[in-house]
Every structure is written in structure tokens, then in C-alpha cells.
Protein backbone atom coordinates (compact mmCIF):
# COMPACT_ATOMS: atom_id res chain seq x y z
CA UNK A 1 12.29 2.48 -1.47
CA UNK A 2 11.90 3.44 -5.16
CA UNK A 3 8.84 1.07 -5.48
CA UNK A 4 7.55 2.29 -2.39
CA UNK A 5 7.08 5.99 -3.97
CA UNK A 6 6.37 4.68 -6.97
CA UNK A 7 3.44 2.80 -5.85
CA UNK A 8 2.42 5.62 -3.34
CA UNK A 9 2.09 8.17 -6.39
CA UNK A 10 -0.91 6.76 -7.81
CA UNK A 11 -4.55 8.14 -6.12
CA UNK A 12 -6.15 4.20 -6.15
CA UNK A 13 -3.23 2.66 -4.87
CA UNK A 14 -3.45 5.27 -1.90
CA UNK A 15 -7.18 4.58 -1.70
CA UNK A 16 -6.59 0.86 -1.63
CA UNK A 17 -4.01 1.41 1.10
CA UNK A 18 -6.47 3.56 3.11
CA UNK A 19 -8.97 0.54 2.60
CA UNK A 20 -6.38 -2.09 4.42
CA UNK A 21 -5.74 0.07 7.39
CA UNK A 22 -9.10 -0.68 8.55
CA UNK A 23 -8.97 -4.48 7.67
CA UNK A 24 -7.74 -6.68 5.75
CA UNK A 25 -9.83 -7.59 2.16
CA UNK A 26 -9.91 -9.79 -0.82
CA UNK A 27 -9.50 -8.31 -4.45
CA UNK A 28 -13.20 -8.21 -4.60
CA UNK A 29 -13.89 -6.68 -1.67
CA UNK A 30 -11.19 -3.89 -2.64
CA UNK A 31 -12.91 -3.79 -6.28
CA UNK A 32 -16.38 -2.72 -4.95
CA UNK A 33 -15.12 0.21 -3.71
CA UNK A 34 -13.99 1.76 -7.30
CA UNK A 35 -15.86 1.71 -10.52
CA UNK A 36 -12.79 0.41 -12.39
CA UNK A 37 -12.39 -3.34 -13.57
CA UNK A 38 -11.56 -5.71 -11.71
CA UNK A 39 -8.13 -6.77 -13.50
CA UNK A 40 -7.32 -2.79 -12.93
CA UNK A 41 -7.30 -3.59 -9.15
CA UNK A 42 -5.39 -6.21 -9.48
CA UNK A 43 -2.88 -4.71 -11.42
CA UNK A 44 -2.56 -2.09 -8.60
CA UNK A 45 -2.73 -4.69 -6.18
CA UNK A 46 0.33 -6.68 -7.93
CA UNK A 47 2.28 -3.55 -7.84
CA UNK A 48 1.55 -2.77 -4.28
CA UNK A 49 2.91 -6.32 -3.55
CA UNK A 50 5.90 -5.53 -5.80
CA UNK A 51 6.75 -2.66 -3.55
CA UNK A 52 6.16 -4.60 -0.57
CA UNK A 53 3.19 -2.42 0.81
CA UNK A 54 0.87 -4.96 1.15
CA UNK A 55 1.14 -8.72 1.86
CA UNK A 56 -1.43 -11.53 0.18
CA UNK A 57 -2.57 -14.57 2.73
CA UNK A 58 -4.40 -17.17 0.81
CA UNK A 59 -7.37 -18.09 3.64
CA UNK A 60 -9.54 -21.05 2.38
CA UNK A 61 -10.74 -20.05 -1.33
CA UNK A 62 -10.32 -16.26 -0.82
CA UNK A 63 -6.30 -14.15 -1.16
CA UNK A 64 -6.95 -11.77 1.77
CA UNK A 65 -4.43 -8.24 1.57
CA UNK A 66 -3.07 -6.56 4.04
CA UNK A 67 -0.93 -4.11 5.09
CA UNK A 68 3.16 -4.92 5.42
CA UNK A 69 3.52 -2.14 8.14
CA UNK A 70 7.08 -2.69 8.01
CA UNK A 71 7.71 -0.61 5.23
CA UNK A 72 5.44 2.08 6.20
CA UNK A 73 7.91 1.92 9.36
CA UNK A 74 11.00 2.35 7.48
CA UNK A 75 9.38 5.29 5.15
CA UNK A 76 8.85 6.83 8.17
CA UNK A 77 11.90 6.83 9.60
CA UNK A 78 13.95 7.41 6.25
CA UNK A 79 11.42 10.89 6.28
CA UNK A 80 12.09 11.66 9.89
CA UNK A 81 15.71 11.93 9.10
CA UNK A 82 14.67 15.15 7.51
CA UNK A 83 13.88 16.81 10.67
CA UNK A 84 16.79 15.84 13.00
CA UNK A 85 19.27 18.02 14.45
CA UNK A 86 21.11 19.58 11.96
CA UNK A 87 18.70 19.97 9.61
CA UNK A 88 18.06 23.45 7.92
CA UNK A 89 14.75 25.07 9.15
CA UNK A 90 12.87 27.13 6.54
């Protein structure tokens, strides 16, 4: 989970995740939404993959990136634990 939170701390990576909520995209399609170099986007995607927040799948000559919803469910489940009975209210 540490790697997921580290990956989520960066606004560029959060925007990439927002783009992937809509549809699976190639690295080039993702890069078109940013004013940074393609190698920079590739590095962000590498970190998102290392954190298991995205999957990649080769389709023909392109690699498509998609969200790994399992890790988001795990993160949500963990955070919801703070709201369970017995927790202190502000």
C-alpha cells in the first residue's frame, strides 16, 4: 500500500488515473493530455504499474493502460476502517 500512496501523491499521476477512469489508453494517448515529454509520462506509468494501480496489455502494436480496480478497492476498504464503530468522532 505504501507504493500506492506514494504514486497517488503526484498530481500528474492522479490526472493519468482520472483519464483511465474514462477508457483504456496508450502511453501516447495519455501523453497528449500533458505538456511534458513522453519519457516523463512513461516514468509516471512505470511508477503506477509498480504500485499496482494500473495494468498494461499489448494489443497489436500498442500497449494499453487500464486501472487496476482491485487495489483501489483495497485502499477504500482500508480507509473506511477509520469510520467503523469505535472510532473517535471529531
